[in-house]
Amino acid sequence: MKYQFVLAHRDRWSIQLMCRMLQIARSGIYAWLHTPMSERAIEDQRLLGLIKDSYAARSGVYGSPRVFLDLREAGETCDKHRVARIM
């Protein structure tokens, strides 16, 4: 989260200043930038799209248990806790 904050605000404040204030290493930000996304993160992004579609199809009324059931009916294999975390 801190790295994302630094990247989102690097045009406003210097990276060096934000790293000092957040007590993180500058090298950590650059290492994080060049690290590829994990398979789980990629799968979470894909599931997020499906969750948003299911949620929107139900006019934003369904919570994670019902969205989970929608995904299961669509043939997705995922856990209800994962759906809740992503939502």
PDB file of N, CA and C in Angstrom:
ATOM      1  N   MET A   1       0.814  -1.189   0.000  1.00  0.00           N
ATOM      2  CA  MET A   1       0.000   0.000   0.000  1.00  0.00           C
ATOM      3  C   MET A   1       0.864   1.262   0.000  1.00  0.00           C
ATOM      4  N   LYS A   2       1.938   1.232   0.757  1.00  0.00           N
ATOM      5  CA  LYS A   2       2.791   2.417   0.804  1.00  0.00           C
ATOM      6  C   LYS A   2       3.425   2.676  -0.556  1.00  0.00           C
ATOM      7  N   TYR A   3       3.840   1.598  -1.216  1.00  0.00           N
ATOM      8  CA  TYR A   3       4.462   1.759  -2.529  1.00  0.00           C
ATOM      9  C   TYR A   3       3.464   2.329  -3.528  1.00  0.00           C
ATOM     10  N   GLN A   4       2.232   1.863  -3.478  1.00  0.00           N
ATOM     11  CA  GLN A   4       1.206   2.380  -4.384  1.00  0.00           C
ATOM     12  C   GLN A   4       0.953   3.858  -4.115  1.00  0.00           C
ATOM     13  N   PHE A   5       0.956   4.244  -2.853  1.00  0.00           N
ATOM     14  CA  PHE A   5       0.766   5.648  -2.497  1.00  0.00           C
ATOM     15  C   PHE A   5       1.887   6.499  -3.081  1.00  0.00           C
ATOM     16  N   VAL A   6       3.115   6.039  -2.920  1.00  0.00           N
ATOM     17  CA  VAL A   6       4.265   6.788  -3.426  1.00  0.00           C
ATOM     18  C   VAL A   6       4.162   6.950  -4.938  1.00  0.00           C
ATOM     19  N   LEU A   7       3.823   5.888  -5.637  1.00  0.00           N
ATOM     20  CA  LEU A   7       3.718   5.968  -7.091  1.00  0.00           C
ATOM     21  C   LEU A   7       2.573   6.867  -7.534  1.00  0.00           C
ATOM     22  N   ALA A   8       1.490   6.858  -6.796  1.00  0.00           N
ATOM     23  CA  ALA A   8       0.342   7.686  -7.163  1.00  0.00           C
ATOM     24  C   ALA A   8       0.621   9.173  -6.954  1.00  0.00           C
ATOM     25  N   HIS A   9       1.524   9.508  -6.043  1.00  0.00           N
ATOM     26  CA  HIS A   9       1.774  10.910  -5.710  1.00  0.00           C
ATOM     27  C   HIS A   9       3.172  11.388  -6.086  1.00  0.00           C
ATOM     28  N   ARG A  10       3.865  10.634  -6.930  1.00  0.00           N
ATOM     29  CA  ARG A  10       5.244  11.014  -7.255  1.00  0.00           C
ATOM     30  C   ARG A  10       5.337  12.275  -8.092  1.00  0.00           C
ATOM     31  N   ASP A  11       4.246  12.676  -8.738  1.00  0.00           N
ATOM     32  CA  ASP A  11       4.290  13.930  -9.495  1.00  0.00           C
ATOM     33  C   ASP A  11       4.105  15.140  -8.583  1.00  0.00           C
ATOM     34  N   ARG A  12       3.604  14.917  -7.377  1.00  0.00           N
ATOM     35  CA  ARG A  12       3.364  16.016  -6.442  1.00  0.00           C
ATOM     36  C   ARG A  12       4.529  16.211  -5.466  1.00  0.00           C
ATOM     37  N   TRP A  13       5.046  15.098  -4.928  1.00  0.00           N
ATOM     38  CA  TRP A  13       6.163  15.148  -3.999  1.00  0.00           C
ATOM     39  C   TRP A  13       7.280  14.252  -4.512  1.00  0.00           C
ATOM     40  N   SER A  14       8.479  14.496  -4.052  1.00  0.00           N
ATOM     41  CA  SER A  14       9.597  13.668  -4.497  1.00  0.00           C
ATOM     42  C   SER A  14       9.509  12.286  -3.847  1.00  0.00           C
ATOM     43  N   ILE A  15       9.998  11.314  -4.572  1.00  0.00           N
ATOM     44  CA  ILE A  15       9.994   9.945  -4.056  1.00  0.00           C
ATOM     45  C   ILE A  15      10.859   9.863  -2.807  1.00  0.00           C
ATOM     46  N   GLN A  16      11.969  10.564  -2.820  1.00  0.00           N
ATOM     47  CA  GLN A  16      12.876  10.544  -1.677  1.00  0.00           C
ATOM     48  C   GLN A  16      12.184  11.068  -0.415  1.00  0.00           C
ATOM     49  N   LEU A  17      11.451  12.164  -0.537  1.00  0.00           N
ATOM     50  CA  LEU A  17      10.749  12.736   0.611  1.00  0.00           C
ATOM     51  C   LEU A  17       9.680  11.781   1.139  1.00  0.00           C
ATOM     52  N   MET A  18       8.888  11.210   0.233  1.00  0.00           N
ATOM     53  CA  MET A  18       7.829  10.295   0.675  1.00  0.00           C
ATOM     54  C   MET A  18       8.414   9.050   1.331  1.00  0.00           C
ATOM     55  N   CYS A  19       9.515   8.547   0.796  1.00  0.00           N
ATOM     56  CA  CYS A  19      10.150   7.368   1.392  1.00  0.00           C
ATOM     57  C   CYS A  19      10.637   7.673   2.799  1.00  0.00           C
ATOM     58  N   ARG A  20      11.184   8.851   2.978  1.00  0.00           N
ATOM     59  CA  ARG A  20      11.657   9.236   4.299  1.00  0.00           C
ATOM     60  C   ARG A  20      10.480   9.353   5.272  1.00  0.00           C
ATOM     61  N   MET A  21       9.388   9.965   4.834  1.00  0.00           N
ATOM     62  CA  MET A  21       8.223  10.155   5.702  1.00  0.00           C
ATOM     63  C   MET A  21       7.526   8.825   6.024  1.00  0.00           C
ATOM     64  N   LEU A  22       7.484   7.921   5.050  1.00  0.00           N
ATOM     65  CA  LEU A  22       6.816   6.633   5.248  1.00  0.00           C
ATOM     66  C   LEU A  22       7.755   5.562   5.809  1.00  0.00           C
ATOM     67  N   GLN A  23       9.015   5.925   5.959  1.00  0.00           N
ATOM     68  CA  GLN A  23      10.045   5.030   6.488  1.00  0.00           C
ATOM     69  C   GLN A  23      10.162   3.746   5.665  1.00  0.00           C
ATOM     70  N   ILE A  24      10.309   3.943   4.362  1.00  0.00           N
ATOM     71  CA  ILE A  24      10.540   2.824   3.455  1.00  0.00           C
ATOM     72  C   ILE A  24      11.762   3.134   2.605  1.00  0.00           C
ATOM     73  N   ALA A  25      12.368   2.110   2.057  1.00  0.00           N
ATOM     74  CA  ALA A  25      13.562   2.282   1.235  1.00  0.00           C
ATOM     75  C   ALA A  25      13.173   2.602  -0.204  1.00  0.00           C
ATOM     76  N   ARG A  26      13.894   3.538  -0.801  1.00  0.00           N
ATOM     77  CA  ARG A  26      13.640   3.858  -2.209  1.00  0.00           C
ATOM     78  C   ARG A  26      13.876   2.650  -3.093  1.00  0.00           C
ATOM     79  N   SER A  27      14.884   1.878  -2.768  1.00  0.00           N
ATOM     80  CA  SER A  27      15.187   0.703  -3.586  1.00  0.00           C
ATOM     81  C   SER A  27      14.024  -0.286  -3.573  1.00  0.00           C
ATOM     82  N   GLY A  28      13.275  -0.319  -2.480  1.00  0.00           N
ATOM     83  CA  GLY A  28      12.121  -1.208  -2.394  1.00  0.00           C
ATOM     84  C   GLY A  28      11.046  -0.847  -3.399  1.00  0.00           C
ATOM     85  N   ILE A  29      10.854   0.440  -3.628  1.00  0.00           N
ATOM     86  CA  ILE A  29       9.852   0.888  -4.597  1.00  0.00           C
ATOM     87  C   ILE A  29      10.243   0.443  -6.000  1.00  0.00           C
ATOM     88  N   TYR A  30      11.499   0.652  -6.343  1.00  0.00           N
ATOM     89  CA  TYR A  30      11.940   0.284  -7.684  1.00  0.00           C
ATOM     90  C   TYR A  30      11.953  -1.229  -7.871  1.00  0.00           C
ATOM     91  N   ALA A  31      12.284  -1.973  -6.833  1.00  0.00           N
ATOM     92  CA  ALA A  31      12.233  -3.434  -6.915  1.00  0.00           C
ATOM     93  C   ALA A  31      10.788  -3.893  -7.089  1.00  0.00           C
ATOM     94  N   TRP A  32       9.865  -3.256  -6.366  1.00  0.00           N
ATOM     95  CA  TRP A  32       8.444  -3.596  -6.456  1.00  0.00           C
ATOM     96  C   TRP A  32       7.906  -3.300  -7.855  1.00  0.00           C
ATOM     97  N   LEU A  33       8.375  -2.210  -8.457  1.00  0.00           N
ATOM     98  CA  LEU A  33       7.933  -1.843  -9.805  1.00  0.00           C
ATOM     99  C   LEU A  33       8.303  -2.898 -10.837  1.00  0.00           C
ATOM    100  N   HIS A  34       9.453  -3.508 -10.667  1.00  0.00           N
ATOM    101  CA  HIS A  34       9.957  -4.448 -11.666  1.00  0.00           C
ATOM    102  C   HIS A  34       9.626  -5.903 -11.346  1.00  0.00           C
ATOM    103  N   THR A  35       8.895  -6.133 -10.268  1.00  0.00           N
ATOM    104  CA  THR A  35       8.484  -7.489  -9.914  1.00  0.00           C
ATOM    105  C   THR A  35       7.194  -7.818 -10.658  1.00  0.00           C
ATOM    106  N   PRO A  36       7.168  -8.923 -11.386  1.00  0.00           N
ATOM    107  CA  PRO A  36       5.933  -9.272 -12.105  1.00  0.00           C
ATOM    108  C   PRO A  36       4.822  -9.652 -11.126  1.00  0.00           C
ATOM    109  N   MET A  37       3.595  -9.507 -11.584  1.00  0.00           N
ATOM    110  CA  MET A  37       2.452  -9.881 -10.743  1.00  0.00           C
ATOM    111  C   MET A  37       2.452 -11.388 -10.531  1.00  0.00           C
ATOM    112  N   SER A  38       2.063 -11.806  -9.345  1.00  0.00           N
ATOM    113  CA  SER A  38       1.991 -13.234  -9.046  1.00  0.00           C
ATOM    114  C   SER A  38       0.781 -13.847  -9.754  1.00  0.00           C
ATOM    115  N   GLU A  39       0.791 -15.160  -9.855  1.00  0.00           N
ATOM    116  CA  GLU A  39      -0.338 -15.847 -10.486  1.00  0.00           C
ATOM    117  C   GLU A  39      -1.627 -15.587  -9.715  1.00  0.00           C
ATOM    118  N   ARG A  40      -1.518 -15.532  -8.394  1.00  0.00           N
ATOM    119  CA  ARG A  40      -2.703 -15.279  -7.575  1.00  0.00           C
ATOM    120  C   ARG A  40      -3.248 -13.875  -7.832  1.00  0.00           C
ATOM    121  N   ALA A  41      -2.369 -12.894  -7.947  1.00  0.00           N
ATOM    122  CA  ALA A  41      -2.818 -11.527  -8.209  1.00  0.00           C
ATOM    123  C   ALA A  41      -3.489 -11.426  -9.577  1.00  0.00           C
ATOM    124  N   ILE A  42      -2.952 -12.124 -10.552  1.00  0.00           N
ATOM    125  CA  ILE A  42      -3.552 -12.128 -11.888  1.00  0.00           C
ATOM    126  C   ILE A  42      -4.933 -12.777 -11.842  1.00  0.00           C
ATOM    127  N   GLU A  43      -5.038 -13.889 -11.129  1.00  0.00           N
ATOM    128  CA  GLU A  43      -6.328 -14.569 -10.993  1.00  0.00           C
ATOM    129  C   GLU A  43      -7.323 -13.704 -10.216  1.00  0.00           C
ATOM    130  N   ASP A  44      -6.839 -12.988  -9.196  1.00  0.00           N
ATOM    131  CA  ASP A  44      -7.714 -12.085  -8.440  1.00  0.00           C
ATOM    132  C   ASP A  44      -8.261 -10.975  -9.337  1.00  0.00           C
ATOM    133  N   GLN A  45      -7.437 -10.461 -10.234  1.00  0.00           N
ATOM    134  CA  GLN A  45      -7.894  -9.426 -11.156  1.00  0.00           C
ATOM    135  C   GLN A  45      -8.973  -9.969 -12.094  1.00  0.00           C
ATOM    136  N   ARG A  46      -8.776 -11.199 -12.562  1.00  0.00           N
ATOM    137  CA  ARG A  46      -9.775 -11.818 -13.434  1.00  0.00           C
ATOM    138  C   ARG A  46     -11.086 -12.028 -12.675  1.00  0.00           C
ATOM    139  N   LEU A  47     -10.976 -12.541 -11.442  1.00  0.00           N
ATOM    140  CA  LEU A  47     -12.171 -12.748 -10.627  1.00  0.00           C
ATOM    141  C   LEU A  47     -12.860 -11.431 -10.293  1.00  0.00           C
ATOM    142  N   LEU A  48     -12.089 -10.382 -10.088  1.00  0.00           N
ATOM    143  CA  LEU A  48     -12.677  -9.078  -9.789  1.00  0.00           C
ATOM    144  C   LEU A  48     -13.588  -8.620 -10.921  1.00  0.00           C
ATOM    145  N   GLY A  49     -13.161  -8.846 -12.151  1.00  0.00           N
ATOM    146  CA  GLY A  49     -14.010  -8.503 -13.292  1.00  0.00           C
ATOM    147  C   GLY A  49     -15.311  -9.284 -13.287  1.00  0.00           C
ATOM    148  N   LEU A  50     -15.228 -10.582 -12.985  1.00  0.00           N
ATOM    149  CA  LEU A  50     -16.429 -11.410 -12.924  1.00  0.00           C
ATOM    150  C   LEU A  50     -17.332 -10.992 -11.765  1.00  0.00           C
ATOM    151  N   ILE A  51     -16.717 -10.646 -10.646  1.00  0.00           N
ATOM    152  CA  ILE A  51     -17.487 -10.206  -9.476  1.00  0.00           C
ATOM    153  C   ILE A  51     -18.213  -8.904  -9.787  1.00  0.00           C
ATOM    154  N   LYS A  52     -17.526  -7.971 -10.426  1.00  0.00           N
ATOM    155  CA  LYS A  52     -18.165  -6.698 -10.783  1.00  0.00           C
ATOM    156  C   LYS A  52     -19.329  -6.913 -11.733  1.00  0.00           C
ATOM    157  N   ASP A  53     -19.161  -7.819 -12.692  1.00  0.00           N
ATOM    158  CA  ASP A  53     -20.247  -8.116 -13.629  1.00  0.00           C
ATOM    159  C   ASP A  53     -21.455  -8.697 -12.902  1.00  0.00           C
ATOM    160  N   SER A  54     -21.203  -9.646 -12.011  1.00  0.00           N
ATOM    161  CA  SER A  54     -22.290 -10.271 -11.260  1.00  0.00           C
ATOM    162  C   SER A  54     -22.981  -9.254 -10.359  1.00  0.00           C
ATOM    163  N   TYR A  55     -22.195  -8.427  -9.708  1.00  0.00           N
ATOM    164  CA  TYR A  55     -22.732  -7.408  -8.797  1.00  0.00           C
ATOM    165  C   TYR A  55     -23.586  -6.402  -9.564  1.00  0.00           C
ATOM    166  N   ALA A  56     -23.100  -5.970 -10.725  1.00  0.00           N
ATOM    167  CA  ALA A  56     -23.835  -4.994 -11.535  1.00  0.00           C
ATOM    168  C   ALA A  56     -25.110  -5.607 -12.117  1.00  0.00           C
ATOM    169  N   ALA A  57     -25.058  -6.882 -12.472  1.00  0.00           N
ATOM    170  CA  ALA A  57     -26.233  -7.546 -13.039  1.00  0.00           C
ATOM    171  C   ALA A  57     -27.370  -7.632 -12.026  1.00  0.00           C
ATOM    172  N   ARG A  58     -27.033  -7.581 -10.760  1.00  0.00           N
ATOM    173  CA  ARG A  58     -28.045  -7.652  -9.702  1.00  0.00           C
ATOM    174  C   ARG A  58     -28.296  -6.276  -9.079  1.00  0.00           C
ATOM    175  N   SER A  59     -27.984  -5.234  -9.810  1.00  0.00           N
ATOM    176  CA  SER A  59     -28.214  -3.840  -9.391  1.00  0.00           C
ATOM    177  C   SER A  59     -27.496  -3.472  -8.097  1.00  0.00           C
ATOM    178  N   GLY A  60     -26.383  -4.112  -7.835  1.00  0.00           N
ATOM    179  CA  GLY A  60     -25.591  -3.775  -6.660  1.00  0.00           C
ATOM    180  C   GLY A  60     -26.221  -4.183  -5.345  1.00  0.00           C
ATOM    181  N   VAL A  61     -27.110  -5.169  -5.383  1.00  0.00           N
ATOM    182  CA  VAL A  61     -27.814  -5.589  -4.176  1.00  0.00           C
ATOM    183  C   VAL A  61     -27.141  -6.802  -3.533  1.00  0.00           C
ATOM    184  N   TYR A  62     -26.561  -7.667  -4.330  1.00  0.00           N
ATOM    185  CA  TYR A  62     -25.987  -8.907  -3.818  1.00  0.00           C
ATOM    186  C   TYR A  62     -24.719  -8.649  -3.015  1.00  0.00           C
ATOM    187  N   GLY A  63     -24.557  -9.407  -1.953  1.00  0.00           N
ATOM    188  CA  GLY A  63     -23.330  -9.404  -1.178  1.00  0.00           C
ATOM    189  C   GLY A  63     -22.445 -10.553  -1.622  1.00  0.00           C
ATOM    190  N   SER A  64     -21.360 -10.761  -0.899  1.00  0.00           N
ATOM    191  CA  SER A  64     -20.399 -11.779  -1.316  1.00  0.00           C
ATOM    192  C   SER A  64     -20.968 -13.198  -1.335  1.00  0.00           C
ATOM    193  N   PRO A  65     -21.864 -13.599  -0.406  1.00  0.00           N
ATOM    194  CA  PRO A  65     -22.379 -14.975  -0.495  1.00  0.00           C
ATOM    195  C   PRO A  65     -23.159 -15.239  -1.783  1.00  0.00           C
ATOM    196  N   ARG A  66     -23.986 -14.296  -2.182  1.00  0.00           N
ATOM    197  CA  ARG A  66     -24.771 -14.497  -3.401  1.00  0.00           C
ATOM    198  C   ARG A  66     -23.913 -14.361  -4.655  1.00  0.00           C
ATOM    199  N   VAL A  67     -22.955 -13.446  -4.634  1.00  0.00           N
ATOM    200  CA  VAL A  67     -22.044 -13.325  -5.775  1.00  0.00           C
ATOM    201  C   VAL A  67     -21.250 -14.616  -5.913  1.00  0.00           C
ATOM    202  N   PHE A  68     -20.823 -15.182  -4.791  1.00  0.00           N
ATOM    203  CA  PHE A  68     -20.107 -16.455  -4.808  1.00  0.00           C
ATOM    204  C   PHE A  68     -20.958 -17.536  -5.475  1.00  0.00           C
ATOM    205  N   LEU A  69     -22.239 -17.595  -5.113  1.00  0.00           N
ATOM    206  CA  LEU A  69     -23.125 -18.595  -5.717  1.00  0.00           C
ATOM    207  C   LEU A  69     -23.312 -18.347  -7.211  1.00  0.00           C
ATOM    208  N   ASP A  70     -23.393 -17.078  -7.616  1.00  0.00           N
ATOM    209  CA  ASP A  70     -23.475 -16.753  -9.044  1.00  0.00           C
ATOM    210  C   ASP A  70     -22.249 -17.256  -9.792  1.00  0.00           C
ATOM    211  N   LEU A  71     -21.085 -17.043  -9.204  1.00  0.00           N
ATOM    212  CA  LEU A  71     -19.848 -17.486  -9.847  1.00  0.00           C
ATOM    213  C   LEU A  71     -19.794 -19.006  -9.936  1.00  0.00           C
ATOM    214  N   ARG A  72     -20.245 -19.678  -8.889  1.00  0.00           N
ATOM    215  CA  ARG A  72     -20.260 -21.144  -8.909  1.00  0.00           C
ATOM    216  C   ARG A  72     -21.207 -21.660  -9.985  1.00  0.00           C
ATOM    217  N   GLU A  73     -22.370 -21.005 -10.132  1.00  0.00           N
ATOM    218  CA  GLU A  73     -23.317 -21.408 -11.175  1.00  0.00           C
ATOM    219  C   GLU A  73     -22.735 -21.193 -12.567  1.00  0.00           C
ATOM    220  N   ALA A  74     -21.866 -20.195 -12.692  1.00  0.00           N
ATOM    221  CA  ALA A  74     -21.235 -19.910 -13.980  1.00  0.00           C
ATOM    222  C   ALA A  74     -20.059 -20.849 -14.256  1.00  0.00           C
ATOM    223  N   GLY A  75     -19.734 -21.714 -13.285  1.00  0.00           N
ATOM    224  CA  GLY A  75     -18.669 -22.684 -13.499  1.00  0.00           C
ATOM    225  C   GLY A  75     -17.314 -22.276 -12.960  1.00  0.00           C
ATOM    226  N   GLU A  76     -17.251 -21.184 -12.221  1.00  0.00           N
ATOM    227  CA  GLU A  76     -15.984 -20.744 -11.631  1.00  0.00           C
ATOM    228  C   GLU A  76     -15.691 -21.552 -10.376  1.00  0.00           C
ATOM    229  N   THR A  77     -14.446 -21.893 -10.187  1.00  0.00           N
ATOM    230  CA  THR A  77     -14.046 -22.587  -8.970  1.00  0.00           C
ATOM    231  C   THR A  77     -13.286 -21.601  -8.090  1.00  0.00           C
ATOM    232  N   CYS A  78     -13.941 -21.157  -7.053  1.00  0.00           N
ATOM    233  CA  CYS A  78     -13.316 -20.246  -6.103  1.00  0.00           C
ATOM    234  C   CYS A  78     -13.990 -20.433  -4.753  1.00  0.00           C
ATOM    235  N   ASP A  79     -13.393 -19.896  -3.729  1.00  0.00           N
ATOM    236  CA  ASP A  79     -13.896 -20.032  -2.377  1.00  0.00           C
ATOM    237  C   ASP A  79     -14.687 -18.790  -1.988  1.00  0.00           C
ATOM    238  N   LYS A  80     -15.663 -18.957  -1.105  1.00  0.00           N
ATOM    239  CA  LYS A  80     -16.485 -17.818  -0.690  1.00  0.00           C
ATOM    240  C   LYS A  80     -15.659 -16.770   0.052  1.00  0.00           C
ATOM    241  N   HIS A  81     -14.630 -17.208   0.753  1.00  0.00           N
ATOM    242  CA  HIS A  81     -13.782 -16.263   1.474  1.00  0.00           C
ATOM    243  C   HIS A  81     -12.943 -15.421   0.509  1.00  0.00           C
ATOM    244  N   ARG A  82     -12.539 -16.025  -0.587  1.00  0.00           N
ATOM    245  CA  ARG A  82     -11.770 -15.289  -1.589  1.00  0.00           C
ATOM    246  C   ARG A  82     -12.639 -14.235  -2.259  1.00  0.00           C
ATOM    247  N   VAL A  83     -13.876 -14.590  -2.561  1.00  0.00           N
ATOM    248  CA  VAL A  83     -14.809 -13.631  -3.158  1.00  0.00           C
ATOM    249  C   VAL A  83     -15.034 -12.469  -2.193  1.00  0.00           C
ATOM    250  N   ALA A  84     -15.219 -12.776  -0.916  1.00  0.00           N
ATOM    251  CA  ALA A  84     -15.433 -11.725   0.083  1.00  0.00           C
ATOM    252  C   ALA A  84     -14.208 -10.822   0.188  1.00  0.00           C
ATOM    253  N   ARG A  85     -13.014 -11.396   0.135  1.00  0.00           N
ATOM    254  CA  ARG A  85     -11.784 -10.598   0.232  1.00  0.00           C
ATOM    255  C   ARG A  85     -11.641  -9.670  -0.963  1.00  0.00           C
ATOM    256  N   ILE A  86     -11.950 -10.181  -2.141  1.00  0.00           N
ATOM    257  CA  ILE A  86     -11.802  -9.379  -3.357  1.00  0.00           C
ATOM    258  C   ILE A  86     -12.849  -8.274  -3.416  1.00  0.00           C
ATOM    259  N   MET A  87     -14.054  -8.580  -2.920  1.00  0.00           N
ATOM    260  CA  MET A  87     -15.105  -7.562  -2.940  1.00  0.00           C
ATOM    261  C   MET A  87     -14.749  -6.425  -2.014  1.00  0.00           C
TER     262      MET A  87
END
